[in-house]
């Protein structure tokens, strides 16, 4: 997750807000906490599962006024896009990761996602 600095996350959110003509800005409650969580962890080498978990934890902290889930899901989509896997696997992983980040994945979906990541060493 090293290339995804907090500045990158903020710029990603700004771009999403601009596309929908929504105000981009930090929230008073979640911004500092999320920025600290992200900056403390993003530079570490991590598995895809760990990266998804960091995004899942960041989303509900709501660091931005709008599009928090979309922001962190977009980061994971980009991470998955860079993996050396088949396009079919990429599509499935993007969907599962997006559900996990959004907090709507079932326990079975989470288990299967982690199983796949473990089997493929990602």
C-alpha atoms as a PDB file:
ATOM      1  CA  UNK A   1       0.000   0.000   0.000  1.00  0.00           C
ATOM      2  CA  UNK A   2       3.071   2.212   0.040  1.00  0.00           C
ATOM      3  CA  UNK A   3       2.245   4.261  -3.089  1.00  0.00           C
ATOM      4  CA  UNK A   4      -1.135   5.163  -1.600  1.00  0.00           C
ATOM      5  CA  UNK A   5      -0.138   7.992   0.716  1.00  0.00           C
ATOM      6  CA  UNK A   6      -2.709   9.988   2.637  1.00  0.00           C
ATOM      7  CA  UNK A   7      -2.234  12.756   0.077  1.00  0.00           C
ATOM      8  CA  UNK A   8      -3.202  10.246  -2.629  1.00  0.00           C
ATOM      9  CA  UNK A   9      -6.303   9.210  -0.638  1.00  0.00           C
ATOM     10  CA  UNK A  10      -7.363  12.829  -0.208  1.00  0.00           C
ATOM     11  CA  UNK A  11      -6.793  13.551  -3.916  1.00  0.00           C
ATOM     12  CA  UNK A  12      -8.825  10.447  -4.835  1.00  0.00           C
ATOM     13  CA  UNK A  13     -11.698  11.704  -2.712  1.00  0.00           C
ATOM     14  CA  UNK A  14     -11.418  15.190  -4.229  1.00  0.00           C
ATOM     15  CA  UNK A  15     -11.614  13.704  -7.731  1.00  0.00           C
ATOM     16  CA  UNK A  16     -14.681  11.629  -6.846  1.00  0.00           C
ATOM     17  CA  UNK A  17     -16.374  14.674  -5.312  1.00  0.00           C
ATOM     18  CA  UNK A  18     -15.538  16.876  -8.307  1.00  0.00           C
ATOM     19  CA  UNK A  19     -17.031  14.320 -10.704  1.00  0.00           C
ATOM     20  CA  UNK A  20     -20.326  14.440  -8.792  1.00  0.00           C
ATOM     21  CA  UNK A  21     -20.117  18.161  -7.987  1.00  0.00           C
ATOM     22  CA  UNK A  22     -20.033  17.409  -4.269  1.00  0.00           C
ATOM     23  CA  UNK A  23     -18.073  19.298  -1.663  1.00  0.00           C
ATOM     24  CA  UNK A  24     -14.699  17.746  -0.853  1.00  0.00           C
ATOM     25  CA  UNK A  25     -13.468  18.334   2.649  1.00  0.00           C
ATOM     26  CA  UNK A  26     -12.447  16.706   5.910  1.00  0.00           C
ATOM     27  CA  UNK A  27     -14.882  15.829   8.656  1.00  0.00           C
ATOM     28  CA  UNK A  28     -14.238  17.064  12.155  1.00  0.00           C
ATOM     29  CA  UNK A  29     -14.653  13.643  13.774  1.00  0.00           C
ATOM     30  CA  UNK A  30     -13.073  11.165  11.383  1.00  0.00           C
ATOM     31  CA  UNK A  31     -10.385  12.928   9.401  1.00  0.00           C
ATOM     32  CA  UNK A  32      -7.569  13.018  11.957  1.00  0.00           C
ATOM     33  CA  UNK A  33      -8.210   9.507  13.262  1.00  0.00           C
ATOM     34  CA  UNK A  34      -8.316   8.022   9.764  1.00  0.00           C
ATOM     35  CA  UNK A  35      -5.279   9.938   8.578  1.00  0.00           C
ATOM     36  CA  UNK A  36      -3.307   8.661  11.576  1.00  0.00           C
ATOM     37  CA  UNK A  37      -4.503   5.060  11.016  1.00  0.00           C
ATOM     38  CA  UNK A  38      -3.636   5.268   7.319  1.00  0.00           C
ATOM     39  CA  UNK A  39      -0.230   6.914   7.681  1.00  0.00           C
ATOM     40  CA  UNK A  40       0.751   4.501  10.453  1.00  0.00           C
ATOM     41  CA  UNK A  41      -0.086   1.465   8.300  1.00  0.00           C
ATOM     42  CA  UNK A  42       0.042   2.184   4.572  1.00  0.00           C
ATOM     43  CA  UNK A  43       3.837   2.074   4.282  1.00  0.00           C
ATOM     44  CA  UNK A  44       4.018  -1.490   5.557  1.00  0.00           C
ATOM     45  CA  UNK A  45       4.206  -4.393   3.146  1.00  0.00           C
ATOM     46  CA  UNK A  46       0.890  -6.190   3.352  1.00  0.00           C
ATOM     47  CA  UNK A  47      -1.171  -8.886   1.741  1.00  0.00           C
ATOM     48  CA  UNK A  48      -4.252  -8.036  -0.276  1.00  0.00           C
ATOM     49  CA  UNK A  49      -6.365  -9.167   2.674  1.00  0.00           C
ATOM     50  CA  UNK A  50      -4.538  -6.783   4.992  1.00  0.00           C
ATOM     51  CA  UNK A  51      -4.937  -3.937   2.492  1.00  0.00           C
ATOM     52  CA  UNK A  52      -8.660  -4.606   2.220  1.00  0.00           C
ATOM     53  CA  UNK A  53      -8.902  -4.631   6.009  1.00  0.00           C
ATOM     54  CA  UNK A  54      -7.158  -1.248   6.247  1.00  0.00           C
ATOM     55  CA  UNK A  55      -9.637   0.193   3.754  1.00  0.00           C
ATOM     56  CA  UNK A  56     -12.569  -1.495   5.547  1.00  0.00           C
ATOM     57  CA  UNK A  57     -11.498   0.048   8.842  1.00  0.00           C
ATOM     58  CA  UNK A  58     -10.979   3.471   7.243  1.00  0.00           C
ATOM     59  CA  UNK A  59     -14.342   3.695   5.476  1.00  0.00           C
ATOM     60  CA  UNK A  60     -16.679   3.917   8.521  1.00  0.00           C
ATOM     61  CA  UNK A  61     -14.415   6.467  10.212  1.00  0.00           C
ATOM     62  CA  UNK A  62     -15.703   8.854   7.518  1.00  0.00           C
ATOM     63  CA  UNK A  63     -12.707  11.157   7.074  1.00  0.00           C
ATOM     64  CA  UNK A  64     -14.353  13.073   4.223  1.00  0.00           C
ATOM     65  CA  UNK A  65     -17.713  14.769   3.797  1.00  0.00           C
ATOM     66  CA  UNK A  66     -18.699  12.525   0.880  1.00  0.00           C
ATOM     67  CA  UNK A  67     -17.746   9.307  -0.928  1.00  0.00           C
ATOM     68  CA  UNK A  68     -15.706   7.649   1.806  1.00  0.00           C
ATOM     69  CA  UNK A  69     -16.614   4.128   0.702  1.00  0.00           C
ATOM     70  CA  UNK A  70     -15.995   4.939  -2.948  1.00  0.00           C
ATOM     71  CA  UNK A  71     -12.608   6.421  -2.083  1.00  0.00           C
ATOM     72  CA  UNK A  72     -11.297   3.354  -0.274  1.00  0.00           C
ATOM     73  CA  UNK A  73     -12.924   0.928  -2.731  1.00  0.00           C
ATOM     74  CA  UNK A  74     -11.185   2.782  -5.598  1.00  0.00           C
ATOM     75  CA  UNK A  75      -7.819   2.250  -3.914  1.00  0.00           C
ATOM     76  CA  UNK A  76      -8.432  -1.483  -3.587  1.00  0.00           C
ATOM     77  CA  UNK A  77      -9.645  -1.683  -7.202  1.00  0.00           C
ATOM     78  CA  UNK A  78      -6.349  -0.147  -8.270  1.00  0.00           C
ATOM     79  CA  UNK A  79      -4.351  -2.558  -6.121  1.00  0.00           C
ATOM     80  CA  UNK A  80      -6.249  -5.521  -7.619  1.00  0.00           C
ATOM     81  CA  UNK A  81      -5.802  -4.166 -11.135  1.00  0.00           C
ATOM     82  CA  UNK A  82      -2.033  -4.463 -10.690  1.00  0.00           C
ATOM     83  CA  UNK A  83      -2.099  -8.133  -9.651  1.00  0.00           C
ATOM     84  CA  UNK A  84      -0.894 -10.787 -12.048  1.00  0.00           C
ATOM     85  CA  UNK A  85      -4.122 -12.806 -12.145  1.00  0.00           C
ATOM     86  CA  UNK A  86      -6.672 -13.627 -14.807  1.00  0.00           C
ATOM     87  CA  UNK A  87      -9.289 -11.057 -15.763  1.00  0.00           C
ATOM     88  CA  UNK A  88     -12.031 -13.316 -14.388  1.00  0.00           C
ATOM     89  CA  UNK A  89     -10.252 -13.553 -11.041  1.00  0.00           C
ATOM     90  CA  UNK A  90      -9.703  -9.788 -11.078  1.00  0.00           C
ATOM     91  CA  UNK A  91     -13.425  -9.109 -11.598  1.00  0.00           C
ATOM     92  CA  UNK A  92     -14.408 -11.457  -8.775  1.00  0.00           C
ATOM     93  CA  UNK A  93     -11.788 -10.042  -6.391  1.00  0.00           C
ATOM     94  CA  UNK A  94     -12.840  -6.448  -7.132  1.00  0.00           C
ATOM     95  CA  UNK A  95     -16.441  -7.283  -6.338  1.00  0.00           C
ATOM     96  CA  UNK A  96     -15.654  -9.146  -3.125  1.00  0.00           C
ATOM     97  CA  UNK A  97     -13.134  -6.541  -1.965  1.00  0.00           C
ATOM     98  CA  UNK A  98     -15.630  -3.750  -2.641  1.00  0.00           C
ATOM     99  CA  UNK A  99     -18.261  -5.537  -0.550  1.00  0.00           C
ATOM    100  CA  UNK A 100     -15.778  -6.080   2.270  1.00  0.00           C
ATOM    101  CA  UNK A 101     -14.660  -2.425   2.258  1.00  0.00           C
ATOM    102  CA  UNK A 102     -18.290  -1.292   2.232  1.00  0.00           C
ATOM    103  CA  UNK A 103     -19.063  -3.570   5.182  1.00  0.00           C
ATOM    104  CA  UNK A 104     -21.751  -5.563   3.375  1.00  0.00           C
ATOM    105  CA  UNK A 105     -19.890  -8.821   2.660  1.00  0.00           C
ATOM    106  CA  UNK A 106     -21.175 -11.995   4.269  1.00  0.00           C
ATOM    107  CA  UNK A 107     -18.889 -14.093   6.438  1.00  0.00           C
ATOM    108  CA  UNK A 108     -18.786 -16.666   3.635  1.00  0.00           C
ATOM    109  CA  UNK A 109     -17.676 -14.014   1.129  1.00  0.00           C
ATOM    110  CA  UNK A 110     -14.940 -12.835   3.498  1.00  0.00           C
ATOM    111  CA  UNK A 111     -13.741 -16.407   4.075  1.00  0.00           C
ATOM    112  CA  UNK A 112     -13.634 -17.182   0.355  1.00  0.00           C
ATOM    113  CA  UNK A 113     -11.813 -13.932  -0.382  1.00  0.00           C
ATOM    114  CA  UNK A 114      -9.168 -14.698   2.242  1.00  0.00           C
ATOM    115  CA  UNK A 115      -8.909 -18.327   1.066  1.00  0.00           C
ATOM    116  CA  UNK A 116      -8.302 -17.186  -2.511  1.00  0.00           C
ATOM    117  CA  UNK A 117      -5.696 -14.637  -1.385  1.00  0.00           C
ATOM    118  CA  UNK A 118      -3.911 -17.277   0.693  1.00  0.00           C
ATOM    119  CA  UNK A 119      -3.928 -19.865  -2.092  1.00  0.00           C
ATOM    120  CA  UNK A 120      -2.491 -17.339  -4.545  1.00  0.00           C
ATOM    121  CA  UNK A 121      -0.019 -15.710  -2.155  1.00  0.00           C
ATOM    122  CA  UNK A 122      -1.501 -12.254  -2.575  1.00  0.00           C
END
